[in-house]
Amino acid sequence: MIISDLYIYFYILENDESAHGKVLFEKLQQGDQKVLKNFFDDTFALFVAFAQDFLGRDDACEDIVQDTFVTFWEQKESFENIYYVKAFFYKTIRHKCLNHIRHQRIASKYADSVQKTQGELESTTYYVDAVIQEVSIFAPARTASSSVVYCC
């Protein structure tokens, strides 16, 4: 439902016969912050919902969309028309979500390997402690037997 609202929003901008969409795009490109705020307010929740299609109800969705808006604002002059803006937001959000998923997988594998290594270290430590304990028990006996003088 929300994603279709986003399509409708861009459809209206792309096909606005009164040139409202064109003026809006030009003002965005010129750096009109009020227009950006309106654009942000109108589309933020919709873009977050798009990101949630990839990540579920992850807090990172809002961060990804905000980062995408920042990147858009930094590159606003490079877009030729509203179609490029639309493609930019969809592609950038999608790529950032996929990168987030990859990062989560790598972090999970690393956490698993650390946990496995800790388990191995704990078992190794247990083994070393057991050897030290045996050595400390048998060391006095060994010293006493080495001081015995055998004659014959």
C-alpha atoms as a PDB file:
ATOM      1  CA  MET A   1       0.000   0.000   0.000  1.00  0.00           C
ATOM      2  CA  ILE A   2       2.691   2.523   1.010  1.00  0.00           C
ATOM      3  CA  ILE A   3       4.928   1.657  -1.939  1.00  0.00           C
ATOM      4  CA  SER A   4       2.040   2.297  -4.325  1.00  0.00           C
ATOM      5  CA  ASP A   5       1.655   5.734  -2.685  1.00  0.00           C
ATOM      6  CA  LEU A   6       5.273   6.443  -3.585  1.00  0.00           C
ATOM      7  CA  TYR A   7       4.632   5.451  -7.185  1.00  0.00           C
ATOM      8  CA  ILE A   8       1.586   7.725  -7.229  1.00  0.00           C
ATOM      9  CA  TYR A   9       3.619  10.613  -5.801  1.00  0.00           C
ATOM     10  CA  PHE A  10       6.274  10.329  -8.503  1.00  0.00           C
ATOM     11  CA  TYR A  11       3.661   9.701 -11.178  1.00  0.00           C
ATOM     12  CA  ILE A  12       1.992  12.989 -10.290  1.00  0.00           C
ATOM     13  CA  LEU A  13       5.344  14.815 -10.389  1.00  0.00           C
ATOM     14  CA  GLU A  14       6.266  13.227 -13.704  1.00  0.00           C
ATOM     15  CA  ASN A  15       2.935  13.811 -15.435  1.00  0.00           C
ATOM     16  CA  ASP A  16       1.803  17.104 -13.967  1.00  0.00           C
ATOM     17  CA  GLU A  17       0.340  19.035 -16.914  1.00  0.00           C
ATOM     18  CA  SER A  18       0.549  22.360 -15.077  1.00  0.00           C
ATOM     19  CA  ALA A  19       4.329  22.029 -14.944  1.00  0.00           C
ATOM     20  CA  HIS A  20       4.159  21.991 -11.146  1.00  0.00           C
ATOM     21  CA  GLY A  21       6.415  18.919 -11.075  1.00  0.00           C
ATOM     22  CA  LYS A  22       8.912  20.604 -13.362  1.00  0.00           C
ATOM     23  CA  VAL A  23       8.999  23.748 -11.209  1.00  0.00           C
ATOM     24  CA  LEU A  24       9.339  21.637  -8.080  1.00  0.00           C
ATOM     25  CA  PHE A  25      12.249  19.750  -9.626  1.00  0.00           C
ATOM     26  CA  GLU A  26      13.947  22.976 -10.724  1.00  0.00           C
ATOM     27  CA  LYS A  27      13.602  24.453  -7.241  1.00  0.00           C
ATOM     28  CA  LEU A  28      15.077  21.290  -5.741  1.00  0.00           C
ATOM     29  CA  GLN A  29      17.959  21.494  -8.176  1.00  0.00           C
ATOM     30  CA  GLN A  30      18.548  25.152  -7.318  1.00  0.00           C
ATOM     31  CA  GLY A  31      18.783  24.309  -3.618  1.00  0.00           C
ATOM     32  CA  ASP A  32      15.442  25.567  -2.285  1.00  0.00           C
ATOM     33  CA  GLN A  33      15.451  24.146   1.237  1.00  0.00           C
ATOM     34  CA  LYS A  34      11.724  24.678   1.758  1.00  0.00           C
ATOM     35  CA  VAL A  35      10.965  22.552  -1.295  1.00  0.00           C
ATOM     36  CA  LEU A  36      13.401  19.915  -0.045  1.00  0.00           C
ATOM     37  CA  LYS A  37      11.675  19.872   3.343  1.00  0.00           C
ATOM     38  CA  ASN A  38       8.289  19.413   1.656  1.00  0.00           C
ATOM     39  CA  PHE A  39       9.720  16.681  -0.563  1.00  0.00           C
ATOM     40  CA  PHE A  40      11.258  15.033   2.509  1.00  0.00           C
ATOM     41  CA  ASP A  41       8.018  15.277   4.503  1.00  0.00           C
ATOM     42  CA  ASP A  42       5.975  13.880   1.607  1.00  0.00           C
ATOM     43  CA  THR A  43       8.247  10.933   0.804  1.00  0.00           C
ATOM     44  CA  PHE A  44      10.256  10.004   3.918  1.00  0.00           C
ATOM     45  CA  ALA A  45       7.760   7.500   5.336  1.00  0.00           C
ATOM     46  CA  LEU A  46       7.249   6.002   1.895  1.00  0.00           C
ATOM     47  CA  PHE A  47      10.972   5.531   1.337  1.00  0.00           C
ATOM     48  CA  VAL A  48      11.330   4.014   4.818  1.00  0.00           C
ATOM     49  CA  ALA A  49       8.595   1.529   3.912  1.00  0.00           C
ATOM     50  CA  PHE A  50      10.513   0.705   0.732  1.00  0.00           C
ATOM     51  CA  ALA A  51      13.655   0.058   2.802  1.00  0.00           C
ATOM     52  CA  GLN A  52      11.633  -2.089   5.204  1.00  0.00           C
ATOM     53  CA  ASP A  53      10.798  -4.385   2.297  1.00  0.00           C
ATOM     54  CA  PHE A  54      14.474  -5.354   2.408  1.00  0.00           C
ATOM     55  CA  LEU A  55      15.309  -5.070   6.096  1.00  0.00           C
ATOM     56  CA  GLY A  56      12.036  -5.551   7.913  1.00  0.00           C
ATOM     57  CA  ARG A  57      11.379  -3.344  10.922  1.00  0.00           C
ATOM     58  CA  ASP A  58      15.029  -2.419  11.333  1.00  0.00           C
ATOM     59  CA  ASP A  59      16.066   0.926  12.823  1.00  0.00           C
ATOM     60  CA  ALA A  60      18.604   1.202  10.022  1.00  0.00           C
ATOM     61  CA  CYS A  61      15.808   1.901   7.498  1.00  0.00           C
ATOM     62  CA  GLU A  62      15.374   5.482   8.669  1.00  0.00           C
ATOM     63  CA  ASP A  63      19.137   6.038   8.749  1.00  0.00           C
ATOM     64  CA  ILE A  64      19.481   4.717   5.210  1.00  0.00           C
ATOM     65  CA  VAL A  65      16.736   6.997   3.907  1.00  0.00           C
ATOM     66  CA  GLN A  66      18.188  10.019   5.709  1.00  0.00           C
ATOM     67  CA  ASP A  67      21.646   9.263   4.288  1.00  0.00           C
ATOM     68  CA  THR A  68      20.091   8.999   0.842  1.00  0.00           C
ATOM     69  CA  PHE A  69      18.488  12.420   1.214  1.00  0.00           C
ATOM     70  CA  VAL A  70      21.834  13.892   2.275  1.00  0.00           C
ATOM     71  CA  THR A  71      23.553  12.321  -0.729  1.00  0.00           C
ATOM     72  CA  PHE A  72      20.776  13.576  -3.000  1.00  0.00           C
ATOM     73  CA  TRP A  73      21.151  17.101  -1.639  1.00  0.00           C
ATOM     74  CA  GLU A  74      24.910  17.032  -2.211  1.00  0.00           C
ATOM     75  CA  GLN A  75      24.400  15.908  -5.824  1.00  0.00           C
ATOM     76  CA  LYS A  76      21.186  17.819  -6.630  1.00  0.00           C
ATOM     77  CA  GLU A  77      22.687  19.672  -9.599  1.00  0.00           C
ATOM     78  CA  SER A  78      23.630  16.459 -11.396  1.00  0.00           C
ATOM     79  CA  PHE A  79      20.055  15.269 -11.991  1.00  0.00           C
ATOM     80  CA  GLU A  80      18.520  16.068 -15.365  1.00  0.00           C
ATOM     81  CA  ASN A  81      14.869  15.521 -14.476  1.00  0.00           C
ATOM     82  CA  ILE A  82      12.526  13.990 -11.920  1.00  0.00           C
ATOM     83  CA  TYR A  83      12.969  10.526 -13.489  1.00  0.00           C
ATOM     84  CA  TYR A  84      16.631  10.562 -12.484  1.00  0.00           C
ATOM     85  CA  VAL A  85      15.701  11.617  -8.953  1.00  0.00           C
ATOM     86  CA  LYS A  86      13.216   8.768  -8.709  1.00  0.00           C
ATOM     87  CA  ALA A  87      15.754   6.239  -9.998  1.00  0.00           C
ATOM     88  CA  PHE A  88      18.417   7.645  -7.695  1.00  0.00           C
ATOM     89  CA  PHE A  89      16.314   7.195  -4.566  1.00  0.00           C
ATOM     90  CA  TYR A  90      15.170   3.675  -5.435  1.00  0.00           C
ATOM     91  CA  LYS A  91      18.622   2.458  -6.473  1.00  0.00           C
ATOM     92  CA  THR A  92      20.476   4.125  -3.607  1.00  0.00           C
ATOM     93  CA  ILE A  93      18.081   2.898  -0.923  1.00  0.00           C
ATOM     94  CA  ARG A  94      18.126  -0.599  -2.415  1.00  0.00           C
ATOM     95  CA  HIS A  95      21.950  -0.715  -2.539  1.00  0.00           C
ATOM     96  CA  LYS A  96      22.317   0.653   0.970  1.00  0.00           C
ATOM     97  CA  CYS A  97      19.860  -1.947   2.274  1.00  0.00           C
ATOM     98  CA  LEU A  98      21.733  -4.763   0.523  1.00  0.00           C
ATOM     99  CA  ASN A  99      25.034  -3.445   1.888  1.00  0.00           C
ATOM    100  CA  HIS A 100      23.491  -3.359   5.363  1.00  0.00           C
ATOM    101  CA  ILE A 101      22.403  -6.987   4.986  1.00  0.00           C
ATOM    102  CA  ARG A 102      25.918  -7.964   3.846  1.00  0.00           C
ATOM    103  CA  HIS A 103      27.432  -6.117   6.792  1.00  0.00           C
ATOM    104  CA  GLN A 104      25.057  -7.886   9.209  1.00  0.00           C
ATOM    105  CA  ARG A 105      26.061 -11.272   7.774  1.00  0.00           C
ATOM    106  CA  ILE A 106      29.767 -10.477   8.104  1.00  0.00           C
ATOM    107  CA  ALA A 107      29.291  -9.206  11.657  1.00  0.00           C
ATOM    108  CA  SER A 108      27.330 -12.345  12.519  1.00  0.00           C
ATOM    109  CA  LYS A 109      30.044 -14.615  11.079  1.00  0.00           C
ATOM    110  CA  TYR A 110      32.693 -12.682  12.995  1.00  0.00           C
ATOM    111  CA  ALA A 111      30.705 -12.941  16.237  1.00  0.00           C
ATOM    112  CA  ASP A 112      30.300 -16.686  15.680  1.00  0.00           C
ATOM    113  CA  SER A 113      34.035 -17.132  15.055  1.00  0.00           C
ATOM    114  CA  VAL A 114      34.893 -15.092  18.160  1.00  0.00           C
ATOM    115  CA  GLN A 115      32.502 -17.186  20.227  1.00  0.00           C
ATOM    116  CA  LYS A 116      33.993 -20.390  18.800  1.00  0.00           C
ATOM    117  CA  THR A 117      37.529 -19.144  19.501  1.00  0.00           C
ATOM    118  CA  GLN A 118      36.543 -18.243  23.069  1.00  0.00           C
ATOM    119  CA  GLY A 119      35.126 -21.732  23.525  1.00  0.00           C
ATOM    120  CA  GLU A 120      38.352 -23.260  22.234  1.00  0.00           C
ATOM    121  CA  LEU A 121      40.415 -21.000  24.478  1.00  0.00           C
ATOM    122  CA  GLU A 122      38.309 -21.914  27.492  1.00  0.00           C
ATOM    123  CA  SER A 123      38.771 -25.636  26.801  1.00  0.00           C
ATOM    124  CA  THR A 124      42.507 -25.078  26.209  1.00  0.00           C
ATOM    125  CA  THR A 125      42.740 -23.073  29.419  1.00  0.00           C
ATOM    126  CA  TYR A 126      40.948 -25.868  31.266  1.00  0.00           C
ATOM    127  CA  TYR A 127      43.425 -28.376  29.851  1.00  0.00           C
ATOM    128  CA  VAL A 128      46.423 -26.208  30.775  1.00  0.00           C
ATOM    129  CA  ASP A 129      45.030 -25.678  34.286  1.00  0.00           C
ATOM    130  CA  ALA A 130      44.575 -29.444  34.688  1.00  0.00           C
ATOM    131  CA  VAL A 131      48.169 -30.098  33.562  1.00  0.00           C
ATOM    132  CA  ILE A 132      49.502 -27.435  35.952  1.00  0.00           C
ATOM    133  CA  GLN A 133      47.508 -28.958  38.793  1.00  0.00           C
ATOM    134  CA  GLU A 134      48.864 -32.440  38.056  1.00  0.00           C
ATOM    135  CA  VAL A 135      52.406 -31.123  37.816  1.00  0.00           C
ATOM    136  CA  SER A 136      52.048 -29.342  41.160  1.00  0.00           C
ATOM    137  CA  ILE A 137      50.740 -32.541  42.793  1.00  0.00           C
ATOM    138  CA  PHE A 138      53.448 -34.803  41.400  1.00  0.00           C
ATOM    139  CA  ALA A 139      56.339 -32.324  41.510  1.00  0.00           C
ATOM    140  CA  PRO A 140      57.036 -32.746  45.276  1.00  0.00           C
ATOM    141  CA  ALA A 141      56.969 -36.543  44.900  1.00  0.00           C
ATOM    142  CA  ARG A 142      59.367 -36.394  42.002  1.00  0.00           C
ATOM    143  CA  THR A 143      61.771 -34.137  43.977  1.00  0.00           C
ATOM    144  CA  ALA A 144      61.665 -36.463  46.973  1.00  0.00           C
ATOM    145  CA  SER A 145      62.378 -39.551  44.860  1.00  0.00           C
ATOM    146  CA  SER A 146      65.296 -37.841  43.132  1.00  0.00           C
ATOM    147  CA  SER A 147      66.962 -37.124  46.477  1.00  0.00           C
ATOM    148  CA  VAL A 148      66.925 -40.818  47.469  1.00  0.00           C
ATOM    149  CA  VAL A 149      70.339 -42.355  47.104  1.00  0.00           C
ATOM    150  CA  TYR A 150      70.430 -45.843  45.740  1.00  0.00           C
ATOM    151  CA  CYS A 151      73.240 -47.982  46.841  1.00  0.00           C
ATOM    152  CA  CYS A 152      74.410 -51.283  45.557  1.00  0.00           C
END
